[in-house]
C-alpha atoms as a PDB file:
ATOM      1  CA  MET A   1      10.602  79.296 -58.493  1.00  0.00           C
ATOM      2  CA  PHE A   2      14.128  79.145 -59.896  1.00  0.00           C
ATOM      3  CA  LEU A   3      14.630  75.414 -59.293  1.00  0.00           C
ATOM      4  CA  SER A   4      12.493  74.694 -62.331  1.00  0.00           C
ATOM      5  CA  GLN A   5      14.947  76.643 -64.478  1.00  0.00           C
ATOM      6  CA  VAL A   6      17.963  74.441 -63.642  1.00  0.00           C
ATOM      7  CA  THR A   7      19.508  73.187 -66.861  1.00  0.00           C
ATOM      8  CA  TYR A   8      22.161  70.611 -67.674  1.00  0.00           C
ATOM      9  CA  ARG A   9      24.170  71.920 -70.572  1.00  0.00           C
ATOM     10  CA  ASN A  10      27.648  71.323 -71.839  1.00  0.00           C
ATOM     11  CA  ASN A  11      28.390  75.048 -71.557  1.00  0.00           C
ATOM     12  CA  ILE A  12      26.549  77.391 -69.226  1.00  0.00           C
ATOM     13  CA  THR A  13      26.366  81.172 -69.615  1.00  0.00           C
ATOM     14  CA  SER A  14      24.276  81.993 -66.545  1.00  0.00           C
ATOM     15  CA  VAL A  15      23.922  80.792 -62.975  1.00  0.00           C
ATOM     16  CA  ILE A  16      21.011  80.719 -60.555  1.00  0.00           C
ATOM     17  CA  LEU A  17      21.534  81.849 -56.967  1.00  0.00           C
ATOM     18  CA  LEU A  18      18.967  80.290 -54.642  1.00  0.00           C
ATOM     19  CA  GLY A  19      19.755  82.468 -51.628  1.00  0.00           C
ATOM     20  CA  PHE A  20      17.456  81.602 -48.715  1.00  0.00           C
ATOM     21  CA  PRO A  21      14.638  79.425 -50.068  1.00  0.00           C
ATOM     22  CA  ASN A  22      11.476  78.722 -48.085  1.00  0.00           C
ATOM     23  CA  LEU A  23      11.439  82.055 -46.287  1.00  0.00           C
ATOM     24  CA  GLN A  24       7.656  81.909 -46.568  1.00  0.00           C
ATOM     25  CA  ASN A  25       6.311  85.356 -45.583  1.00  0.00           C
ATOM     26  CA  LEU A  26       9.590  86.763 -44.244  1.00  0.00           C
ATOM     27  CA  ASN A  27      10.903  87.997 -47.608  1.00  0.00           C
ATOM     28  CA  ILE A  28       9.675  91.562 -47.251  1.00  0.00           C
ATOM     29  CA  LEU A  29      10.845  91.817 -43.643  1.00  0.00           C
ATOM     30  CA  LEU A  30      14.333  90.514 -44.486  1.00  0.00           C
ATOM     31  CA  PHE A  31      14.465  92.773 -47.557  1.00  0.00           C
ATOM     32  CA  LEU A  32      13.698  95.865 -45.458  1.00  0.00           C
ATOM     33  CA  LEU A  33      16.193  94.825 -42.774  1.00  0.00           C
ATOM     34  CA  LEU A  34      18.966  94.310 -45.327  1.00  0.00           C
ATOM     35  CA  LEU A  35      18.100  97.590 -47.040  1.00  0.00           C
ATOM     36  CA  ILE A  36      18.415  99.430 -43.717  1.00  0.00           C
ATOM     37  CA  ILE A  37      21.745  97.694 -42.986  1.00  0.00           C
ATOM     38  CA  TYR A  38      23.055  98.638 -46.422  1.00  0.00           C
ATOM     39  CA  SER A  39      21.997 102.284 -46.035  1.00  0.00           C
ATOM     40  CA  VAL A  40      23.473 102.574 -42.539  1.00  0.00           C
ATOM     41  CA  THR A  41      26.735 100.862 -43.576  1.00  0.00           C
ATOM     42  CA  ILE A  42      27.266 103.116 -46.585  1.00  0.00           C
ATOM     43  CA  SER A  43      26.345 106.223 -44.558  1.00  0.00           C
ATOM     44  CA  ALA A  44      28.542 105.327 -41.563  1.00  0.00           C
ATOM     45  CA  ASN A  45      31.624 104.478 -43.622  1.00  0.00           C
ATOM     46  CA  THR A  46      31.166 107.540 -45.840  1.00  0.00           C
ATOM     47  CA  PHE A  47      30.779 109.658 -42.695  1.00  0.00           C
ATOM     48  CA  ILE A  48      34.168 108.439 -41.422  1.00  0.00           C
ATOM     49  CA  MET A  49      35.910 109.242 -44.715  1.00  0.00           C
ATOM     50  CA  VAL A  50      34.334 112.702 -45.030  1.00  0.00           C
ATOM     51  CA  LEU A  51      35.093 113.550 -41.401  1.00  0.00           C
ATOM     52  CA  PHE A  52      38.727 112.531 -41.916  1.00  0.00           C
ATOM     53  CA  LEU A  53      39.011 114.917 -44.876  1.00  0.00           C
ATOM     54  CA  LEU A  54      37.338 117.824 -43.062  1.00  0.00           C
ATOM     55  CA  SER A  55      38.926 117.514 -39.619  1.00  0.00           C
ATOM     56  CA  LYS A  56      42.565 118.373 -38.962  1.00  0.00           C
ATOM     57  CA  ASN A  57      42.418 116.505 -35.642  1.00  0.00           C
ATOM     58  CA  LEU A  58      41.879 113.218 -37.473  1.00  0.00           C
ATOM     59  CA  GLN A  59      44.758 113.710 -39.917  1.00  0.00           C
ATOM     60  CA  THR A  60      46.754 110.906 -38.301  1.00  0.00           C
ATOM     61  CA  PRO A  61      48.038 107.573 -39.671  1.00  0.00           C
ATOM     62  CA  MET A  62      45.536 105.549 -37.614  1.00  0.00           C
ATOM     63  CA  TYR A  63      42.521 107.395 -39.019  1.00  0.00           C
ATOM     64  CA  PHE A  64      43.995 107.328 -42.515  1.00  0.00           C
ATOM     65  CA  PHE A  65      44.039 103.532 -42.322  1.00  0.00           C
ATOM     66  CA  ILE A  66      40.507 103.540 -40.890  1.00  0.00           C
ATOM     67  CA  THR A  67      39.304 105.432 -43.980  1.00  0.00           C
ATOM     68  CA  GLN A  68      40.907 102.758 -46.167  1.00  0.00           C
ATOM     69  CA  LEU A  69      39.083 100.105 -44.136  1.00  0.00           C
ATOM     70  CA  SER A  70      35.827 102.018 -44.670  1.00  0.00           C
ATOM     71  CA  LEU A  71      36.462 102.080 -48.415  1.00  0.00           C
ATOM     72  CA  LEU A  72      37.034  98.317 -48.427  1.00  0.00           C
ATOM     73  CA  ASP A  73      33.838  97.762 -46.429  1.00  0.00           C
ATOM     74  CA  ILE A  74      31.848  99.857 -48.901  1.00  0.00           C
ATOM     75  CA  THR A  75      33.344  97.852 -51.781  1.00  0.00           C
ATOM     76  CA  LEU A  76      32.501  94.530 -50.138  1.00  0.00           C
ATOM     77  CA  ILE A  77      28.923  95.259 -49.143  1.00  0.00           C
ATOM     78  CA  THR A  78      28.160  96.938 -52.496  1.00  0.00           C
ATOM     79  CA  ASP A  79      29.455  93.847 -54.266  1.00  0.00           C
ATOM     80  CA  ILE A  80      27.206  91.511 -52.261  1.00  0.00           C
ATOM     81  CA  LEU A  81      24.137  93.225 -50.906  1.00  0.00           C
ATOM     82  CA  PRO A  82      22.350  94.815 -53.917  1.00  0.00           C
ATOM     83  CA  ASN A  83      22.156  91.421 -55.608  1.00  0.00           C
ATOM     84  CA  LEU A  84      21.168  89.820 -52.287  1.00  0.00           C
ATOM     85  CA  LEU A  85      18.229  92.229 -52.052  1.00  0.00           C
ATOM     86  CA  ARG A  86      17.060  91.007 -55.450  1.00  0.00           C
ATOM     87  CA  ILE A  87      17.463  87.378 -54.352  1.00  0.00           C
ATOM     88  CA  VAL A  88      15.406  87.911 -51.193  1.00  0.00           C
ATOM     89  CA  LEU A  89      12.678  89.829 -53.008  1.00  0.00           C
ATOM     90  CA  TYR A  90      12.247  87.273 -55.822  1.00  0.00           C
ATOM     91  CA  ASP A  91      13.231  84.044 -54.014  1.00  0.00           C
ATOM     92  CA  GLY A  92      16.415  83.750 -56.054  1.00  0.00           C
ATOM     93  CA  CYS A  93      17.895  85.365 -59.125  1.00  0.00           C
ATOM     94  CA  THR A  94      19.789  84.645 -62.316  1.00  0.00           C
ATOM     95  CA  MET A  95      23.095  86.288 -63.175  1.00  0.00           C
ATOM     96  CA  SER A  96      25.596  85.750 -65.957  1.00  0.00           C
ATOM     97  CA  LEU A  97      28.507  83.380 -65.399  1.00  0.00           C
ATOM     98  CA  ILE A  98      30.952  86.229 -66.068  1.00  0.00           C
ATOM     99  CA  GLY A  99      29.072  88.400 -63.574  1.00  0.00           C
ATOM    100  CA  CYS A 100      29.306  85.604 -61.029  1.00  0.00           C
ATOM    101  CA  ILE A 101      33.080  85.297 -61.508  1.00  0.00           C
ATOM    102  CA  ILE A 102      33.480  89.079 -61.262  1.00  0.00           C
ATOM    103  CA  GLN A 103      31.434  89.175 -58.049  1.00  0.00           C
ATOM    104  CA  PHE A 104      33.587  86.472 -56.455  1.00  0.00           C
ATOM    105  CA  ASN A 105      36.855  88.123 -57.438  1.00  0.00           C
ATOM    106  CA  LEU A 106      35.741  91.561 -56.244  1.00  0.00           C
ATOM    107  CA  PHE A 107      34.707  89.935 -52.960  1.00  0.00           C
ATOM    108  CA  ALA A 108      38.027  88.074 -52.684  1.00  0.00           C
ATOM    109  CA  THR A 109      40.024  91.199 -53.562  1.00  0.00           C
ATOM    110  CA  SER A 110      38.351  93.305 -50.884  1.00  0.00           C
ATOM    111  CA  GLU A 111      38.753  90.573 -48.261  1.00  0.00           C
ATOM    112  CA  SER A 112      42.417  89.863 -49.028  1.00  0.00           C
ATOM    113  CA  SER A 113      43.124  93.611 -49.074  1.00  0.00           C
ATOM    114  CA  GLU A 114      41.433  93.940 -45.684  1.00  0.00           C
ATOM    115  CA  CYS A 115      43.669  91.192 -44.269  1.00  0.00           C
ATOM    116  CA  LEU A 116      46.735  93.082 -45.497  1.00  0.00           C
ATOM    117  CA  LEU A 117      45.402  96.412 -44.215  1.00  0.00           C
ATOM    118  CA  LEU A 118      44.689  95.020 -40.743  1.00  0.00           C
ATOM    119  CA  SER A 119      48.290  93.772 -40.548  1.00  0.00           C
ATOM    120  CA  VAL A 120      49.581  97.258 -41.476  1.00  0.00           C
ATOM    121  CA  MET A 121      47.310  98.757 -38.808  1.00  0.00           C
ATOM    122  CA  SER A 122      48.680  96.295 -36.228  1.00  0.00           C
ATOM    123  CA  TYR A 123      52.231  97.391 -37.141  1.00  0.00           C
ATOM    124  CA  ASP A 124      51.102 100.993 -36.659  1.00  0.00           C
ATOM    125  CA  ARG A 125      49.809 100.150 -33.148  1.00  0.00           C
ATOM    126  CA  TYR A 126      52.984  98.160 -32.397  1.00  0.00           C
ATOM    127  CA  LEU A 127      55.225 101.145 -33.111  1.00  0.00           C
ATOM    128  CA  ALA A 128      52.919 103.568 -31.286  1.00  0.00           C
ATOM    129  CA  ILE A 129      53.066 101.514 -28.076  1.00  0.00           C
ATOM    130  CA  CYS A 130      56.357  99.593 -28.223  1.00  0.00           C
ATOM    131  CA  ASN A 131      58.592 102.128 -29.958  1.00  0.00           C
ATOM    132  CA  PRO A 132      56.937 105.560 -29.709  1.00  0.00           C
ATOM    133  CA  LEU A 133      60.189 107.504 -30.238  1.00  0.00           C
ATOM    134  CA  ARG A 134      60.525 106.136 -33.782  1.00  0.00           C
ATOM    135  CA  TYR A 135      56.805 106.246 -34.578  1.00  0.00           C
ATOM    136  CA  VAL A 136      56.729 109.702 -36.199  1.00  0.00           C
ATOM    137  CA  SER A 137      59.828 109.056 -38.321  1.00  0.00           C
ATOM    138  CA  ILE A 138      58.532 105.712 -39.649  1.00  0.00           C
ATOM    139  CA  ILE A 139      54.743 106.098 -39.834  1.00  0.00           C
ATOM    140  CA  ASN A 140      54.689 109.297 -41.863  1.00  0.00           C
ATOM    141  CA  HIS A 141      52.413 110.443 -44.689  1.00  0.00           C
ATOM    142  CA  ARG A 142      54.591 108.802 -47.328  1.00  0.00           C
ATOM    143  CA  PHE A 143      54.497 105.446 -45.508  1.00  0.00           C
ATOM    144  CA  CYS A 144      50.702 105.615 -45.168  1.00  0.00           C
ATOM    145  CA  VAL A 145      50.115 106.355 -48.853  1.00  0.00           C
ATOM    146  CA  LYS A 146      52.592 103.694 -49.997  1.00  0.00           C
ATOM    147  CA  SER A 147      51.045 101.128 -47.646  1.00  0.00           C
ATOM    148  CA  ALA A 148      47.518 101.858 -48.880  1.00  0.00           C
ATOM    149  CA  ILE A 149      48.552 101.620 -52.536  1.00  0.00           C
ATOM    150  CA  THR A 150      50.455  98.378 -51.861  1.00  0.00           C
ATOM    151  CA  VAL A 151      47.477  96.851 -50.032  1.00  0.00           C
ATOM    152  CA  TRP A 152      45.098  97.564 -52.921  1.00  0.00           C
ATOM    153  CA  ILE A 153      47.526  96.472 -55.651  1.00  0.00           C
ATOM    154  CA  VAL A 154      48.663  93.250 -53.928  1.00  0.00           C
ATOM    155  CA  GLY A 155      45.079  92.317 -53.083  1.00  0.00           C
ATOM    156  CA  PHE A 156      44.048  92.888 -56.692  1.00  0.00           C
ATOM    157  CA  LEU A 157      47.010  91.006 -58.224  1.00  0.00           C
ATOM    158  CA  LEU A 158      46.594  87.974 -55.954  1.00  0.00           C
ATOM    159  CA  MET A 159      42.974  87.599 -56.965  1.00  0.00           C
ATOM    160  CA  LEU A 160      43.689  88.401 -60.623  1.00  0.00           C
ATOM    161  CA  VAL A 161      45.665  85.164 -60.837  1.00  0.00           C
ATOM    162  CA  ASN A 162      42.623  83.309 -59.507  1.00  0.00           C
ATOM    163  CA  ALA A 163      40.309  85.126 -61.892  1.00  0.00           C
ATOM    164  CA  ILE A 164      42.384  84.058 -64.901  1.00  0.00           C
ATOM    165  CA  SER A 165      42.474  80.448 -63.673  1.00  0.00           C
ATOM    166  CA  ILE A 166      38.707  80.339 -63.041  1.00  0.00           C
ATOM    167  CA  CYS A 167      37.952  81.788 -66.482  1.00  0.00           C
ATOM    168  CA  SER A 168      40.003  78.982 -68.074  1.00  0.00           C
ATOM    169  CA  LEU A 169      37.763  76.302 -66.534  1.00  0.00           C
ATOM    170  CA  HIS A 170      35.012  74.525 -68.454  1.00  0.00           C
ATOM    171  CA  PHE A 171      31.620  75.082 -66.823  1.00  0.00           C
ATOM    172  CA  CYS A 172      29.027  72.501 -67.797  1.00  0.00           C
ATOM    173  CA  GLY A 173      26.471  72.716 -65.003  1.00  0.00           C
ATOM    174  CA  PRO A 174      24.094  72.273 -63.397  1.00  0.00           C
ATOM    175  CA  ASN A 175      23.919  76.050 -63.308  1.00  0.00           C
ATOM    176  CA  VAL A 176      22.500  76.425 -59.791  1.00  0.00           C
ATOM    177  CA  ILE A 177      24.325  77.729 -56.700  1.00  0.00           C
ATOM    178  CA  ASP A 178      22.698  77.155 -53.340  1.00  0.00           C
ATOM    179  CA  HIS A 179      24.061  80.390 -51.897  1.00  0.00           C
ATOM    180  CA  PHE A 180      23.347  84.125 -51.917  1.00  0.00           C
ATOM    181  CA  TYR A 181      26.602  85.118 -53.632  1.00  0.00           C
ATOM    182  CA  CYS A 182      29.220  83.508 -55.849  1.00  0.00           C
ATOM    183  CA  ASP A 183      31.770  82.019 -53.475  1.00  0.00           C
ATOM    184  CA  PHE A 184      34.819  79.939 -54.383  1.00  0.00           C
ATOM    185  CA  GLU A 185      33.692  76.353 -53.732  1.00  0.00           C
ATOM    186  CA  PRO A 186      30.097  76.741 -55.015  1.00  0.00           C
ATOM    187  CA  LEU A 187      31.485  78.308 -58.186  1.00  0.00           C
ATOM    188  CA  LEU A 188      34.025  75.540 -58.801  1.00  0.00           C
ATOM    189  CA  GLN A 189      31.332  72.889 -58.298  1.00  0.00           C
ATOM    190  CA  LEU A 190      29.784  74.088 -61.574  1.00  0.00           C
ATOM    191  CA  SER A 191      32.952  73.155 -63.457  1.00  0.00           C
ATOM    192  CA  CYS A 192      33.633  69.876 -65.249  1.00  0.00           C
ATOM    193  CA  SER A 193      37.369  70.616 -65.384  1.00  0.00           C
ATOM    194  CA  ASP A 194      39.988  69.266 -63.008  1.00  0.00           C
ATOM    195  CA  THR A 195      40.219  71.888 -60.245  1.00  0.00           C
ATOM    196  CA  THR A 196      43.179  70.366 -58.385  1.00  0.00           C
ATOM    197  CA  ILE A 197      45.647  72.976 -59.647  1.00  0.00           C
ATOM    198  CA  ILE A 198      43.382  75.902 -58.857  1.00  0.00           C
ATOM    199  CA  HIS A 199      42.778  74.549 -55.339  1.00  0.00           C
ATOM    200  CA  ILE A 200      46.541  74.352 -54.745  1.00  0.00           C
ATOM    201  CA  GLN A 201      46.970  77.808 -56.249  1.00  0.00           C
ATOM    202  CA  THR A 202      44.215  79.245 -54.045  1.00  0.00           C
ATOM    203  CA  PHE A 203      45.754  77.618 -50.976  1.00  0.00           C
ATOM    204  CA  ILE A 204      49.064  79.366 -51.722  1.00  0.00           C
ATOM    205  CA  MET A 205      47.267  82.669 -52.342  1.00  0.00           C
ATOM    206  CA  SER A 206      45.406  82.259 -49.046  1.00  0.00           C
ATOM    207  CA  ILE A 207      48.699  81.854 -47.202  1.00  0.00           C
ATOM    208  CA  LEU A 208      50.026  85.059 -48.761  1.00  0.00           C
ATOM    209  CA  ALA A 209      46.826  87.063 -48.339  1.00  0.00           C
ATOM    210  CA  THR A 210      45.496  85.832 -44.981  1.00  0.00           C
ATOM    211  CA  LEU A 211      47.878  83.619 -43.000  1.00  0.00           C
ATOM    212  CA  ILE A 212      51.005  85.801 -43.230  1.00  0.00           C
ATOM    213  CA  PRO A 213      49.083  89.005 -42.346  1.00  0.00           C
ATOM    214  CA  PHE A 214      47.454  87.130 -39.451  1.00  0.00           C
ATOM    215  CA  MET A 215      50.875  86.036 -38.152  1.00  0.00           C
ATOM    216  CA  ILE A 216      52.075  89.648 -38.343  1.00  0.00           C
ATOM    217  CA  ILE A 217      49.022  90.751 -36.344  1.00  0.00           C
ATOM    218  CA  VAL A 218      49.569  88.052 -33.691  1.00  0.00           C
ATOM    219  CA  MET A 219      53.280  88.884 -33.345  1.00  0.00           C
ATOM    220  CA  SER A 220      52.510  92.601 -33.101  1.00  0.00           C
ATOM    221  CA  TYR A 221      50.000  92.052 -30.313  1.00  0.00           C
ATOM    222  CA  VAL A 222      52.313  89.710 -28.422  1.00  0.00           C
ATOM    223  CA  TYR A 223      54.862  92.541 -28.247  1.00  0.00           C
ATOM    224  CA  ILE A 224      52.102  95.068 -27.477  1.00  0.00           C
ATOM    225  CA  VAL A 225      50.767  93.000 -24.561  1.00  0.00           C
ATOM    226  CA  LEU A 226      54.279  92.435 -23.163  1.00  0.00           C
ATOM    227  CA  THR A 227      54.985  96.161 -23.375  1.00  0.00           C
ATOM    228  CA  ILE A 228      51.683  97.110 -21.739  1.00  0.00           C
ATOM    229  CA  LEU A 229      52.299  94.683 -18.861  1.00  0.00           C
ATOM    230  CA  LYS A 230      55.584  96.464 -18.132  1.00  0.00           C
ATOM    231  CA  ILE A 231      53.819  99.799 -17.581  1.00  0.00           C
ATOM    232  CA  PRO A 232      53.792 100.328 -13.784  1.00  0.00           C
ATOM    233  CA  SER A 233      50.549 102.267 -13.371  1.00  0.00           C
ATOM    234  CA  PHE A 234      47.069 100.864 -14.014  1.00  0.00           C
ATOM    235  CA  SER A 235      45.959 104.095 -15.702  1.00  0.00           C
ATOM    236  CA  GLY A 236      48.972 103.916 -18.025  1.00  0.00           C
ATOM    237  CA  ARG A 237      48.184 100.332 -18.980  1.00  0.00           C
ATOM    238  CA  LYS A 238      44.527 101.219 -19.540  1.00  0.00           C
ATOM    239  CA  LYS A 239      45.427 104.193 -21.748  1.00  0.00           C
ATOM    240  CA  ALA A 240      47.883 102.133 -23.805  1.00  0.00           C
ATOM    241  CA  PHE A 241      45.381  99.307 -24.294  1.00  0.00           C
ATOM    242  CA  SER A 242      42.606 101.738 -25.299  1.00  0.00           C
ATOM    243  CA  THR A 243      44.674 102.888 -28.279  1.00  0.00           C
ATOM    244  CA  CYS A 244      44.523  99.413 -29.839  1.00  0.00           C
ATOM    245  CA  SER A 245      41.310  97.954 -28.379  1.00  0.00           C
ATOM    246  CA  SER A 246      39.148  98.959 -31.370  1.00  0.00           C
ATOM    247  CA  HIS A 247      41.577  97.427 -33.859  1.00  0.00           C
ATOM    248  CA  LEU A 248      41.852  94.250 -31.782  1.00  0.00           C
ATOM    249  CA  MET A 249      38.058  93.940 -31.706  1.00  0.00           C
ATOM    250  CA  VAL A 250      37.802  94.387 -35.483  1.00  0.00           C
ATOM    251  CA  VAL A 251      40.552  91.803 -36.063  1.00  0.00           C
ATOM    252  CA  SER A 252      38.854  89.309 -33.718  1.00  0.00           C
ATOM    253  CA  ILE A 253      35.483  89.613 -35.460  1.00  0.00           C
ATOM    254  CA  PHE A 254      36.978  89.561 -38.957  1.00  0.00           C
ATOM    255  CA  TYR A 255      39.313  86.591 -38.508  1.00  0.00           C
ATOM    256  CA  GLY A 256      36.886  84.761 -36.226  1.00  0.00           C
ATOM    257  CA  THR A 257      34.210  84.580 -38.914  1.00  0.00           C
ATOM    258  CA  LEU A 258      36.855  83.994 -41.608  1.00  0.00           C
ATOM    259  CA  ILE A 259      38.152  80.910 -39.792  1.00  0.00           C
ATOM    260  CA  ILE A 260      34.662  79.505 -39.129  1.00  0.00           C
ATOM    261  CA  VAL A 261      33.494  79.967 -42.733  1.00  0.00           C
ATOM    262  CA  TYR A 262      36.631  79.016 -44.687  1.00  0.00           C
ATOM    263  CA  VAL A 263      39.007  76.998 -42.529  1.00  0.00           C
ATOM    264  CA  PHE A 264      36.348  74.382 -41.719  1.00  0.00           C
ATOM    265  CA  PRO A 265      34.163  74.453 -44.832  1.00  0.00           C
ATOM    266  CA  THR A 266      31.505  71.890 -45.698  1.00  0.00           C
ATOM    267  CA  ARG A 267      30.859  70.780 -49.234  1.00  0.00           C
ATOM    268  CA  GLN A 268      27.099  71.207 -48.854  1.00  0.00           C
ATOM    269  CA  LEU A 269      26.053  74.610 -47.556  1.00  0.00           C
ATOM    270  CA  THR A 270      23.690  74.590 -44.588  1.00  0.00           C
ATOM    271  CA  THR A 271      21.479  77.352 -43.268  1.00  0.00           C
ATOM    272  CA  ILE A 272      24.039  77.985 -40.514  1.00  0.00           C
ATOM    273  CA  SER A 273      26.800  78.332 -43.125  1.00  0.00           C
ATOM    274  CA  LYS A 274      24.736  80.882 -45.011  1.00  0.00           C
ATOM    275  CA  VAL A 275      23.977  82.846 -41.841  1.00  0.00           C
ATOM    276  CA  LEU A 276      27.689  82.923 -40.975  1.00  0.00           C
ATOM    277  CA  SER A 277      28.476  84.082 -44.508  1.00  0.00           C
ATOM    278  CA  LEU A 278      25.784  86.742 -44.158  1.00  0.00           C
ATOM    279  CA  PHE A 279      27.428  87.939 -40.954  1.00  0.00           C
ATOM    280  CA  TYR A 280      30.827  87.935 -42.637  1.00  0.00           C
ATOM    281  CA  THR A 281      29.805  89.855 -45.759  1.00  0.00           C
ATOM    282  CA  VAL A 282      27.044  92.144 -44.469  1.00  0.00           C
ATOM    283  CA  ILE A 283      27.227  92.611 -40.694  1.00  0.00           C
ATOM    284  CA  VAL A 284      31.018  93.020 -40.333  1.00  0.00           C
ATOM    285  CA  PRO A 285      31.143  96.052 -42.691  1.00  0.00           C
ATOM    286  CA  LEU A 286      28.389  97.567 -40.529  1.00  0.00           C
ATOM    287  CA  LEU A 287      30.187  96.856 -37.240  1.00  0.00           C
ATOM    288  CA  ASN A 288      33.592  98.240 -38.254  1.00  0.00           C
ATOM    289  CA  PRO A 289      32.623 101.944 -38.362  1.00  0.00           C
ATOM    290  CA  ILE A 290      30.523 101.539 -35.208  1.00  0.00           C
ATOM    291  CA  ILE A 291      33.446  99.999 -33.309  1.00  0.00           C
ATOM    292  CA  TYR A 292      35.846 102.738 -34.402  1.00  0.00           C
ATOM    293  CA  THR A 293      33.468 105.618 -33.645  1.00  0.00           C
ATOM    294  CA  PHE A 294      31.517 104.382 -30.595  1.00  0.00           C
ATOM    295  CA  ARG A 295      32.750 106.287 -27.517  1.00  0.00           C
ATOM    296  CA  ASN A 296      35.662 107.633 -29.569  1.00  0.00           C
ATOM    297  CA  LYS A 297      36.517 111.049 -28.168  1.00  0.00           C
ATOM    298  CA  ASP A 298      38.598 112.075 -31.194  1.00  0.00           C
ATOM    299  CA  VAL A 299      35.721 111.420 -33.589  1.00  0.00           C
ATOM    300  CA  LYS A 300      33.211 113.194 -31.343  1.00  0.00           C
ATOM    301  CA  GLU A 301      35.447 116.236 -30.970  1.00  0.00           C
ATOM    302  CA  ALA A 302      36.130 116.326 -34.707  1.00  0.00           C
ATOM    303  CA  PHE A 303      32.418 116.085 -35.471  1.00  0.00           C
ATOM    304  CA  ASP A 304      31.614 118.896 -33.016  1.00  0.00           C
ATOM    305  CA  LYS A 305      34.295 121.144 -34.543  1.00  0.00           C
ATOM    306  CA  VAL A 306      33.080 120.508 -38.082  1.00  0.00           C
ATOM    307  CA  ASN A 307      29.523 121.273 -36.982  1.00  0.00           C
ATOM    308  CA  GLN A 308      30.719 124.460 -35.270  1.00  0.00           C
ATOM    309  CA  MET A 309      32.558 125.549 -38.420  1.00  0.00           C
ATOM    310  CA  LYS A 310      29.423 125.032 -40.503  1.00  0.00           C
ATOM    311  CA  THR A 311      27.354 126.961 -37.945  1.00  0.00           C
ATOM    312  CA  ASP A 312      29.799 129.870 -37.981  1.00  0.00           C
ATOM    313  CA  LYS A 313      29.763 130.009 -41.773  1.00  0.00           C
ATOM    314  CA  LEU A 314      25.971 130.004 -41.861  1.00  0.00           C
ATOM    315  CA  TRP A 315      25.894 132.718 -39.200  1.00  0.00           C
ATOM    316  CA  TRP A 316      28.210 135.005 -41.180  1.00  0.00           C
END
């Protein structure tokens, strides 16, 4: 459908996203599935944020950071999925070049911010387990707010540099991207300019936004594991590990897909690459709130208390 619209111009103003061509009769089914995932993801992450605001039991640094993670997940999936729904429904779609650049930079900002946030959360778990006596004095409300603001600002500034560099490129086409969103490499392949500098620049930004936070996470968990192993009782070790198991699972899923998709990229996207990208951009934001709330006693107790408060108010 959209392949016939591919044009070869000196300057392009719009791009065509092919998405998943040749779905045959599965378009409607995939559309409904993605729509359900989007609705559940938005609802689940919003639920976590609202519950944090309403429940005094969840007014802790860990849950404050979880609400920031939920906000990032909502930002990411809202940036990607509404346009993906249009692509699936119409076998592709056209969007402006500026819109494409904005989508990529919003995606990159949310992902780099999430890397930074996960490293802050690992530091929180490190202090809680390895140095509990200093935890309250260091991880206070002021630290949490400053950390959240820093994460958002640094993530935005790092990607702003990329945005400026990408906007300075000359895009001459063809104006087709064989993907379901505007990612870095597919976007640069539309340019006729020399992209060597921007590749080097992006590599440096990736080190700052992903590698350094990952090293902080690894170092934190090395100390956490060593500390847990020193606990004499099995129940004590189990309790200590349970306080960081959810975060460790989220980090494993997030960085696992990140490494597969971006550390070993291929120039030509395959169906497997697209499926992995779909998992990374759509499924991970859905899994995060489930991981943090599934079998979480604090969340269940907070939800029950909020429900009881509403019941009492209605009764009176």
